[in-house]
Amino acid sequence: GGTTYTFWGKGLSQGHSDAIRRIEGVADARQYTI
């Protein structure tokens, strides 16, 4: 019955960086979660 919170970072997200790199016109990318 309590409340759970999850925080990520600050750091590099592999999955989000990969998702950006799949966008047309992107040569490379890094994404940070803060």
Full PDB file with SEQRES, HELIX, SHEET, SSBOND, CRYST1, ORIGX, SCALE, CONECT and MASTER records, all heavy atoms in Angstrom:
SEQRES   1 A   34  GLY GLY THR THR TYR THR PHE TRP GLY LYS GLY LEU SER          
SEQRES   2 A   34  GLN GLY HIS SER ASP ALA ILE ARG ARG ILE GLU GLY VAL          
SEQRES   3 A   34  ALA ASP ALA ARG GLN TYR THR ILE                              
HELIX    1 AA1 GLN A   14  ARG A   21  1                                   8    
CRYST1    1.000    1.000    1.000  90.00  90.00  90.00 P 1           1          
ORIGX1      1.000000  0.000000  0.000000        0.00000                         
ORIGX2      0.000000  1.000000  0.000000        0.00000                         
ORIGX3      0.000000  0.000000  1.000000        0.00000                         
SCALE1      1.000000  0.000000  0.000000        0.00000                         
SCALE2      0.000000  1.000000  0.000000        0.00000                         
SCALE3      0.000000  0.000000  1.000000        0.00000                         
ATOM      1  N   GLY A   1       0.793  -1.224   0.000  1.00  0.00           N  
ATOM      2  CA  GLY A   1       0.000   0.000   0.000  1.00  0.00           C  
ATOM      3  C   GLY A   1       0.819   1.264   0.000  1.00  0.00           C  
ATOM      4  O   GLY A   1       0.259   2.370   0.027  1.00  0.00           O  
ATOM      5  N   GLY A   2       2.139   1.118  -0.040  1.00  0.00           N  
ATOM      6  CA  GLY A   2       2.997   2.287  -0.083  1.00  0.00           C  
ATOM      7  C   GLY A   2       3.109   2.838  -1.494  1.00  0.00           C  
ATOM      8  O   GLY A   2       2.382   2.458  -2.402  1.00  0.00           O  
ATOM      9  N   THR A   3       4.061   3.743  -1.668  1.00  0.00           N  
ATOM     10  CA  THR A   3       4.251   4.404  -2.963  1.00  0.00           C  
ATOM     11  C   THR A   3       5.680   4.174  -3.428  1.00  0.00           C  
ATOM     12  O   THR A   3       6.625   4.401  -2.669  1.00  0.00           O  
ATOM     13  CB  THR A   3       3.981   5.914  -2.859  1.00  0.00           C  
ATOM     14  OG1 THR A   3       2.676   6.116  -2.307  1.00  0.00           O  
ATOM     15  CG2 THR A   3       4.054   6.567  -4.229  1.00  0.00           C  
ATOM     16  N   THR A   4       5.835   3.722  -4.667  1.00  0.00           N  
ATOM     17  CA  THR A   4       7.152   3.426  -5.221  1.00  0.00           C  
ATOM     18  C   THR A   4       7.515   4.451  -6.283  1.00  0.00           C  
ATOM     19  O   THR A   4       6.689   4.820  -7.119  1.00  0.00           O  
ATOM     20  CB  THR A   4       7.187   2.018  -5.853  1.00  0.00           C  
ATOM     21  OG1 THR A   4       6.823   1.055  -4.855  1.00  0.00           O  
ATOM     22  CG2 THR A   4       8.572   1.690  -6.387  1.00  0.00           C  
ATOM     23  N   TYR A   5       8.760   4.897  -6.234  1.00  0.00           N  
ATOM     24  CA  TYR A   5       9.292   5.830  -7.219  1.00  0.00           C  
ATOM     25  C   TYR A   5      10.591   5.272  -7.779  1.00  0.00           C  
ATOM     26  O   TYR A   5      11.403   4.713  -7.039  1.00  0.00           O  
ATOM     27  CB  TYR A   5       9.592   7.191  -6.581  1.00  0.00           C  
ATOM     28  CG  TYR A   5       8.412   7.841  -5.893  1.00  0.00           C  
ATOM     29  CD1 TYR A   5       8.159   7.590  -4.544  1.00  0.00           C  
ATOM     30  CD2 TYR A   5       7.586   8.723  -6.577  1.00  0.00           C  
ATOM     31  CE1 TYR A   5       7.081   8.199  -3.903  1.00  0.00           C  
ATOM     32  CE2 TYR A   5       6.512   9.330  -5.940  1.00  0.00           C  
ATOM     33  CZ  TYR A   5       6.264   9.069  -4.597  1.00  0.00           C  
ATOM     34  OH  TYR A   5       5.204   9.663  -3.972  1.00  0.00           O  
ATOM     35  N   THR A   6      10.784   5.442  -9.081  1.00  0.00           N  
ATOM     36  CA  THR A   6      12.036   5.038  -9.709  1.00  0.00           C  
ATOM     37  C   THR A   6      12.625   6.226 -10.454  1.00  0.00           C  
ATOM     38  O   THR A   6      11.931   6.902 -11.216  1.00  0.00           O  
ATOM     39  CB  THR A   6      11.813   3.880 -10.699  1.00  0.00           C  
ATOM     40  OG1 THR A   6      11.192   2.793 -10.013  1.00  0.00           O  
ATOM     41  CG2 THR A   6      13.145   3.402 -11.271  1.00  0.00           C  
ATOM     42  N   PHE A   7      13.894   6.476 -10.198  1.00  0.00           N  
ATOM     43  CA  PHE A   7      14.622   7.541 -10.890  1.00  0.00           C  
ATOM     44  C   PHE A   7      15.826   6.932 -11.583  1.00  0.00           C  
ATOM     45  O   PHE A   7      16.506   6.060 -11.021  1.00  0.00           O  
ATOM     46  CB  PHE A   7      15.099   8.607  -9.898  1.00  0.00           C  
ATOM     47  CG  PHE A   7      13.991   9.428  -9.301  1.00  0.00           C  
ATOM     48  CD1 PHE A   7      13.302   8.969  -8.190  1.00  0.00           C  
ATOM     49  CD2 PHE A   7      13.636  10.653  -9.830  1.00  0.00           C  
ATOM     50  CE1 PHE A   7      12.272   9.709  -7.626  1.00  0.00           C  
ATOM     51  CE2 PHE A   7      12.615  11.403  -9.283  1.00  0.00           C  
ATOM     52  CZ  PHE A   7      11.926  10.931  -8.176  1.00  0.00           C  
ATOM     53  N   TRP A   8      16.127   7.424 -12.790  1.00  0.00           N  
ATOM     54  CA  TRP A   8      17.288   6.951 -13.530  1.00  0.00           C  
ATOM     55  C   TRP A   8      18.234   8.113 -13.783  1.00  0.00           C  
ATOM     56  O   TRP A   8      17.814   9.229 -14.064  1.00  0.00           O  
ATOM     57  CB  TRP A   8      16.861   6.367 -14.878  1.00  0.00           C  
ATOM     58  CG  TRP A   8      15.846   5.268 -14.764  1.00  0.00           C  
ATOM     59  CD1 TRP A   8      16.055   3.982 -14.359  1.00  0.00           C  
ATOM     60  CD2 TRP A   8      14.451   5.356 -15.058  1.00  0.00           C  
ATOM     61  NE1 TRP A   8      14.888   3.270 -14.377  1.00  0.00           N  
ATOM     62  CE2 TRP A   8      13.889   4.087 -14.811  1.00  0.00           C  
ATOM     63  CE3 TRP A   8      13.633   6.382 -15.524  1.00  0.00           C  
ATOM     64  CZ2 TRP A   8      12.540   3.816 -15.014  1.00  0.00           C  
ATOM     65  CZ3 TRP A   8      12.291   6.122 -15.718  1.00  0.00           C  
ATOM     66  CH2 TRP A   8      11.755   4.853 -15.462  1.00  0.00           C  
ATOM     67  N   GLY A   9      19.526   7.826 -13.690  1.00  0.00           N  
ATOM     68  CA  GLY A   9      20.537   8.813 -14.042  1.00  0.00           C  
ATOM     69  C   GLY A   9      21.121   9.532 -12.841  1.00  0.00           C  
ATOM     70  O   GLY A   9      20.866   9.149 -11.704  1.00  0.00           O  
ATOM     71  N   LYS A  10      21.915  10.561 -13.124  1.00  0.00           N  
ATOM     72  CA  LYS A  10      22.241  11.031 -14.456  1.00  0.00           C  
ATOM     73  C   LYS A  10      23.152  10.031 -15.151  1.00  0.00           C  
ATOM     74  O   LYS A  10      24.136   9.572 -14.554  1.00  0.00           O  
ATOM     75  CB  LYS A  10      22.923  12.404 -14.395  1.00  0.00           C  
ATOM     76  CG  LYS A  10      23.339  12.921 -15.754  1.00  0.00           C  
ATOM     77  CD  LYS A  10      24.045  14.275 -15.663  1.00  0.00           C  
ATOM     78  CE  LYS A  10      24.438  14.751 -17.070  1.00  0.00           C  
ATOM     79  NZ  LYS A  10      25.127  16.058 -17.036  1.00  0.00           N  
ATOM     80  N   GLY A  11      22.810   9.719 -16.404  1.00  0.00           N  
ATOM     81  CA  GLY A  11      23.660   8.797 -17.109  1.00  0.00           C  
ATOM     82  C   GLY A  11      23.216   8.543 -18.529  1.00  0.00           C  
ATOM     83  O   GLY A  11      22.133   8.972 -18.959  1.00  0.00           O  
ATOM     84  N   LEU A  12      24.078   7.835 -19.241  1.00  0.00           N  
ATOM     85  CA  LEU A  12      23.824   7.502 -20.634  1.00  0.00           C  
ATOM     86  C   LEU A  12      22.835   6.352 -20.730  1.00  0.00           C  
ATOM     87  O   LEU A  12      23.022   5.318 -20.101  1.00  0.00           O  
ATOM     88  CB  LEU A  12      25.140   7.106 -21.314  1.00  0.00           C  
ATOM     89  CG  LEU A  12      25.018   6.666 -22.765  1.00  0.00           C  
ATOM     90  CD1 LEU A  12      24.829   7.869 -23.661  1.00  0.00           C  
ATOM     91  CD2 LEU A  12      26.244   5.874 -23.193  1.00  0.00           C  
ATOM     92  N   SER A  13      21.798   6.539 -21.520  1.00  0.00           N  
ATOM     93  CA  SER A  13      20.833   5.472 -21.775  1.00  0.00           C  
ATOM     94  C   SER A  13      21.168   4.814 -23.103  1.00  0.00           C  
ATOM     95  O   SER A  13      21.113   5.451 -24.158  1.00  0.00           O  
ATOM     96  CB  SER A  13      19.412   6.027 -21.817  1.00  0.00           C  
ATOM     97  OG  SER A  13      18.514   5.041 -22.291  1.00  0.00           O  
ATOM     98  N   GLN A  14      21.510   3.514 -23.052  1.00  0.00           N  
ATOM     99  CA  GLN A  14      21.842   2.792 -24.283  1.00  0.00           C  
ATOM    100  C   GLN A  14      20.633   2.690 -25.204  1.00  0.00           C  
ATOM    101  O   GLN A  14      20.725   2.928 -26.403  1.00  0.00           O  
ATOM    102  CB  GLN A  14      22.315   1.377 -23.941  1.00  0.00           C  
ATOM    103  CG  GLN A  14      23.571   1.316 -23.113  1.00  0.00           C  
ATOM    104  CD  GLN A  14      23.885  -0.116 -22.740  1.00  0.00           C  
ATOM    105  OE1 GLN A  14      24.710  -0.752 -23.356  1.00  0.00           O  
ATOM    106  NE2 GLN A  14      23.209  -0.637 -21.721  1.00  0.00           N  
ATOM    107  N   GLY A  15      19.477   2.283 -24.635  1.00  0.00           N  
ATOM    108  CA  GLY A  15      18.297   2.068 -25.448  1.00  0.00           C  
ATOM    109  C   GLY A  15      17.809   3.341 -26.113  1.00  0.00           C  
ATOM    110  O   GLY A  15      17.429   3.340 -27.297  1.00  0.00           O  
ATOM    111  N   HIS A  16      17.803   4.458 -25.369  1.00  0.00           N  
ATOM    112  CA  HIS A  16      17.341   5.717 -25.938  1.00  0.00           C  
ATOM    113  C   HIS A  16      18.325   6.254 -26.970  1.00  0.00           C  
ATOM    114  O   HIS A  16      17.918   6.821 -27.989  1.00  0.00           O  
ATOM    115  CB  HIS A  16      17.102   6.737 -24.828  1.00  0.00           C  
ATOM    116  CG  HIS A  16      15.867   6.468 -24.026  1.00  0.00           C  
ATOM    117  ND1 HIS A  16      15.766   5.409 -23.149  1.00  0.00           N  
ATOM    118  CD2 HIS A  16      14.670   7.113 -23.983  1.00  0.00           C  
ATOM    119  CE1 HIS A  16      14.557   5.420 -22.590  1.00  0.00           C  
ATOM    120  NE2 HIS A  16      13.884   6.436 -23.082  1.00  0.00           N  
ATOM    121  N   SER A  17      19.607   6.072 -26.706  1.00  0.00           N  
ATOM    122  CA  SER A  17      20.609   6.495 -27.690  1.00  0.00           C  
ATOM    123  C   SER A  17      20.451   5.698 -28.981  1.00  0.00           C  
ATOM    124  O   SER A  17      20.520   6.249 -30.090  1.00  0.00           O  
ATOM    125  CB  SER A  17      22.025   6.301 -27.123  1.00  0.00           C  
ATOM    126  OG  SER A  17      22.230   7.095 -25.974  1.00  0.00           O  
ATOM    127  N   ASP A  18      20.223   4.404 -28.839  1.00  0.00           N  
ATOM    128  CA  ASP A  18      20.033   3.550 -30.007  1.00  0.00           C  
ATOM    129  C   ASP A  18      18.786   3.962 -30.779  1.00  0.00           C  
ATOM    130  O   ASP A  18      18.783   3.983 -32.015  1.00  0.00           O  
ATOM    131  CB  ASP A  18      19.933   2.089 -29.569  1.00  0.00           C  
ATOM    132  CG  ASP A  18      19.742   1.139 -30.736  1.00  0.00           C  
ATOM    133  OD1 ASP A  18      20.651   1.014 -31.570  1.00  0.00           O  
ATOM    134  OD2 ASP A  18      18.671   0.504 -30.823  1.00  0.00           O  
ATOM    135  N   ALA A  19      17.723   4.307 -30.060  1.00  0.00           N  
ATOM    136  CA  ALA A  19      16.486   4.725 -30.723  1.00  0.00           C  
ATOM    137  C   ALA A  19      16.703   5.981 -31.550  1.00  0.00           C  
ATOM    138  O   ALA A  19      16.165   6.118 -32.660  1.00  0.00           O  
ATOM    139  CB  ALA A  19      15.392   4.952 -29.679  1.00  0.00           C  
ATOM    140  N   ILE A  20      17.494   6.914 -31.043  1.00  0.00           N  
ATOM    141  CA  ILE A  20      17.788   8.132 -31.806  1.00  0.00           C  
ATOM    142  C   ILE A  20      18.606   7.797 -33.047  1.00  0.00           C  
ATOM    143  O   ILE A  20      18.357   8.325 -34.138  1.00  0.00           O  
ATOM    144  CB  ILE A  20      18.543   9.157 -30.935  1.00  0.00           C  
ATOM    145  CG1 ILE A  20      17.680   9.614 -29.757  1.00  0.00           C  
ATOM    146  CG2 ILE A  20      18.961  10.365 -31.768  1.00  0.00           C  
ATOM    147  CD1 ILE A  20      18.415  10.491 -28.771  1.00  0.00           C  
ATOM    148  N   ARG A  21      19.570   6.907 -32.898  1.00  0.00           N  
ATOM    149  CA  ARG A  21      20.429   6.559 -34.036  1.00  0.00           C  
ATOM    150  C   ARG A  21      19.658   5.895 -35.174  1.00  0.00           C  
ATOM    151  O   ARG A  21      20.131   5.882 -36.308  1.00  0.00           O  
ATOM    152  CB  ARG A  21      21.579   5.660 -33.569  1.00  0.00           C  
ATOM    153  CG  ARG A  21      22.636   6.397 -32.764  1.00  0.00           C  
ATOM    154  CD  ARG A  21      23.880   5.556 -32.583  1.00  0.00           C  
ATOM    155  NE  ARG A  21      23.661   4.455 -31.653  1.00  0.00           N  
ATOM    156  CZ  ARG A  21      23.903   4.503 -30.349  1.00  0.00           C  
ATOM    157  NH1 ARG A  21      24.359   5.629 -29.796  1.00  0.00           N  
ATOM    158  NH2 ARG A  21      23.689   3.445 -29.575  1.00  0.00           N  
ATOM    159  N   ARG A  22      18.479   5.350 -34.870  1.00  0.00           N  
ATOM    160  CA  ARG A  22      17.670   4.712 -35.906  1.00  0.00           C  
ATOM    161  C   ARG A  22      16.857   5.730 -36.711  1.00  0.00           C  
ATOM    162  O   ARG A  22      16.225   5.371 -37.700  1.00  0.00           O  
ATOM    163  CB  ARG A  22      16.720   3.686 -35.280  1.00  0.00           C  
ATOM    164  CG  ARG A  22      17.392   2.582 -34.472  1.00  0.00           C  
ATOM    165  CD  ARG A  22      18.336   1.740 -35.311  1.00  0.00           C  
ATOM    166  NE  ARG A  22      18.970   0.695 -34.522  1.00  0.00           N  
ATOM    167  CZ  ARG A  22      18.639  -0.586 -34.593  1.00  0.00           C  
ATOM    168  NH1 ARG A  22      17.670  -0.982 -35.390  1.00  0.00           N  
ATOM    169  NH2 ARG A  22      19.280  -1.472 -33.852  1.00  0.00           N  
ATOM    170  N   ILE A  23      16.850   6.996 -36.304  1.00  0.00           N  
ATOM    171  CA  ILE A  23      16.093   8.023 -37.012  1.00  0.00           C  
ATOM    172  C   ILE A  23      16.828   8.389 -38.309  1.00  0.00           C  
ATOM    173  O   ILE A  23      18.047   8.548 -38.326  1.00  0.00           O  
ATOM    174  CB  ILE A  23      15.908   9.271 -36.129  1.00  0.00           C  
ATOM    175  CG1 ILE A  23      15.046   8.926 -34.897  1.00  0.00           C  
ATOM    176  CG2 ILE A  23      15.274  10.416 -36.915  1.00  0.00           C  
ATOM    177  CD1 ILE A  23      14.969  10.049 -33.889  1.00  0.00           C  
ATOM    178  N   GLU A  24      16.073   8.538 -39.361  1.00  0.00           N  
ATOM    179  CA  GLU A  24      16.659   8.916 -40.649  1.00  0.00           C  
ATOM    180  C   GLU A  24      17.398  10.245 -40.527  1.00  0.00           C  
ATOM    181  O   GLU A  24      16.872  11.215 -39.981  1.00  0.00           O  
ATOM    182  CB  GLU A  24      15.567   9.017 -41.712  1.00  0.00           C  
ATOM    183  CG  GLU A  24      16.096   9.331 -43.112  1.00  0.00           C  
ATOM    184  CD  GLU A  24      14.998   9.388 -44.154  1.00  0.00           C  
ATOM    185  OE1 GLU A  24      13.833   9.091 -43.798  1.00  0.00           O  
ATOM    186  OE2 GLU A  24      15.311   9.727 -45.306  1.00  0.00           O  
ATOM    187  N   GLY A  25      18.621  10.281 -41.023  1.00  0.00           N  
ATOM    188  CA  GLY A  25      19.416  11.498 -40.994  1.00  0.00           C  
ATOM    189  C   GLY A  25      20.347  11.616 -39.804  1.00  0.00           C  
ATOM    190  O   GLY A  25      21.142  12.556 -39.726  1.00  0.00           O  
ATOM    191  N   VAL A  26      20.275  10.659 -38.867  1.00  0.00           N  
ATOM    192  CA  VAL A  26      21.144  10.684 -37.677  1.00  0.00           C  
ATOM    193  C   VAL A  26      22.359   9.798 -37.928  1.00  0.00           C  
ATOM    194  O   VAL A  26      22.229   8.608 -38.244  1.00  0.00           O  
ATOM    195  CB  VAL A  26      20.391  10.214 -36.421  1.00  0.00           C  
ATOM    196  CG1 VAL A  26      21.346  10.079 -35.246  1.00  0.00           C  
ATOM    197  CG2 VAL A  26      19.269  11.189 -36.089  1.00  0.00           C  
ATOM    198  N   ALA A  27      23.549  10.373 -37.772  1.00  0.00           N  
ATOM    199  CA  ALA A  27      24.792   9.613 -37.932  1.00  0.00           C  
ATOM    200  C   ALA A  27      25.220   8.979 -36.624  1.00  0.00           C  
ATOM    201  O   ALA A  27      25.742   7.867 -36.598  1.00  0.00           O  
ATOM    202  CB  ALA A  27      25.895  10.522 -38.471  1.00  0.00           C  
ATOM    203  N   ASP A  28      25.002   9.675 -35.506  1.00  0.00           N  
ATOM    204  CA  ASP A  28      25.392   9.158 -34.194  1.00  0.00           C  
ATOM    205  C   ASP A  28      24.658   9.977 -33.136  1.00  0.00           C  
ATOM    206  O   ASP A  28      24.186  11.088 -33.420  1.00  0.00           O  
ATOM    207  CB  ASP A  28      26.909   9.256 -34.006  1.00  0.00           C  
ATOM    208  CG  ASP A  28      27.450   8.260 -32.983  1.00  0.00           C  
ATOM    209  OD1 ASP A  28      26.629   7.610 -32.299  1.00  0.00           O  
ATOM    210  OD2 ASP A  28      28.684   8.130 -32.882  1.00  0.00           O  
ATOM    211  N   ALA A  29      24.557   9.427 -31.922  1.00  0.00           N  
ATOM    212  CA  ALA A  29      23.828  10.141 -30.877  1.00  0.00           C  
ATOM    213  C   ALA A  29      24.115   9.545 -29.510  1.00  0.00           C  
ATOM    214  O   ALA A  29      24.445   8.361 -29.378  1.00  0.00           O  
ATOM    215  CB  ALA A  29      22.320  10.097 -31.143  1.00  0.00           C  
ATOM    216  N   ARG A  30      23.972  10.391 -28.498  1.00  0.00           N  
ATOM    217  CA  ARG A  30      24.009   9.965 -27.104  1.00  0.00           C  
ATOM    218  C   ARG A  30      22.857  10.651 -26.378  1.00  0.00           C  
ATOM    219  O   ARG A  30      22.573  11.825 -26.623  1.00  0.00           O  
ATOM    220  CB  ARG A  30      25.330  10.355 -26.416  1.00  0.00           C  
ATOM    221  CG  ARG A  30      26.580   9.816 -27.077  1.00  0.00           C  
ATOM    222  CD  ARG A  30      26.755   8.321 -26.886  1.00  0.00           C  
ATOM    223  NE  ARG A  30      28.047   7.887 -27.385  1.00  0.00           N  
ATOM    224  CZ  ARG A  30      28.307   7.590 -28.659  1.00  0.00           C  
ATOM    225  NH1 ARG A  30      27.340   7.686 -29.553  1.00  0.00           N  
ATOM    226  NH2 ARG A  30      29.512   7.219 -29.041  1.00  0.00           N  
ATOM    227  N   GLN A  31      22.211   9.903 -25.471  1.00  0.00           N  
ATOM    228  CA  GLN A  31      21.094  10.472 -24.719  1.00  0.00           C  
ATOM    229  C   GLN A  31      21.325  10.269 -23.233  1.00  0.00           C  
ATOM    230  O   GLN A  31      21.641   9.167 -22.782  1.00  0.00           O  
ATOM    231  CB  GLN A  31      19.774   9.829 -25.139  1.00  0.00           C  
ATOM    232  CG  GLN A  31      18.543  10.487 -24.525  1.00  0.00           C  
ATOM    233  CD  GLN A  31      18.150   9.900 -23.178  1.00  0.00           C  
ATOM    234  OE1 GLN A  31      18.119   8.696 -23.007  1.00  0.00           O  
ATOM    235  NE2 GLN A  31      17.864  10.755 -22.216  1.00  0.00           N  
ATOM    236  N   TYR A  32      21.158  11.346 -22.461  1.00  0.00           N  
ATOM    237  CA  TYR A  32      21.334  11.293 -21.015  1.00  0.00           C  
ATOM    238  C   TYR A  32      19.983  11.468 -20.323  1.00  0.00           C  
ATOM    239  O   TYR A  32      19.204  12.359 -20.667  1.00  0.00           O  
ATOM    240  CB  TYR A  32      22.289  12.389 -20.546  1.00  0.00           C  
ATOM    241  CG  TYR A  32      23.671  12.273 -21.128  1.00  0.00           C  
ATOM    242  CD1 TYR A  32      24.023  12.987 -22.274  1.00  0.00           C  
ATOM    243  CD2 TYR A  32      24.625  11.432 -20.556  1.00  0.00           C  
ATOM    244  CE1 TYR A  32      25.284  12.872 -22.819  1.00  0.00           C  
ATOM    245  CE2 TYR A  32      25.886  11.316 -21.097  1.00  0.00           C  
ATOM    246  CZ  TYR A  32      26.213  12.036 -22.225  1.00  0.00           C  
ATOM    247  OH  TYR A  32      27.466  11.922 -22.776  1.00  0.00           O  
ATOM    248  N   THR A  33      19.745  10.612 -19.336  1.00  0.00           N  
ATOM    249  CA  THR A  33      18.560  10.712 -18.498  1.00  0.00           C  
ATOM    250  C   THR A  33      18.966  11.396 -17.199  1.00  0.00           C  
ATOM    251  O   THR A  33      19.948  10.998 -16.565  1.00  0.00           O  
ATOM    252  CB  THR A  33      17.983   9.322 -18.203  1.00  0.00           C  
ATOM    253  OG1 THR A  33      17.720   8.653 -19.431  1.00  0.00           O  
ATOM    254  CG2 THR A  33      16.702   9.424 -17.392  1.00  0.00           C  
ATOM    255  N   ILE A  34      18.201  12.420 -16.801  1.00  0.00           N  
ATOM    256  CA  ILE A  34      18.583  13.241 -15.655  1.00  0.00           C  
ATOM    257  C   ILE A  34      17.411  13.318 -14.672  1.00  0.00           C  
ATOM    258  O   ILE A  34      16.323  13.797 -15.035  1.00  0.00           O  
ATOM    259  CB  ILE A  34      18.974  14.662 -16.102  1.00  0.00           C  
ATOM    260  CG1 ILE A  34      20.086  14.589 -17.156  1.00  0.00           C  
ATOM    261  CG2 ILE A  34      19.412  15.503 -14.905  1.00  0.00           C  
ATOM    262  CD1 ILE A  34      20.343  15.903 -17.855  1.00  0.00           C  
TER     263      ILE A  34                                                      
MASTER        0    0    0    1    0    0    0    6  262    1    0    3          
END                                                                             
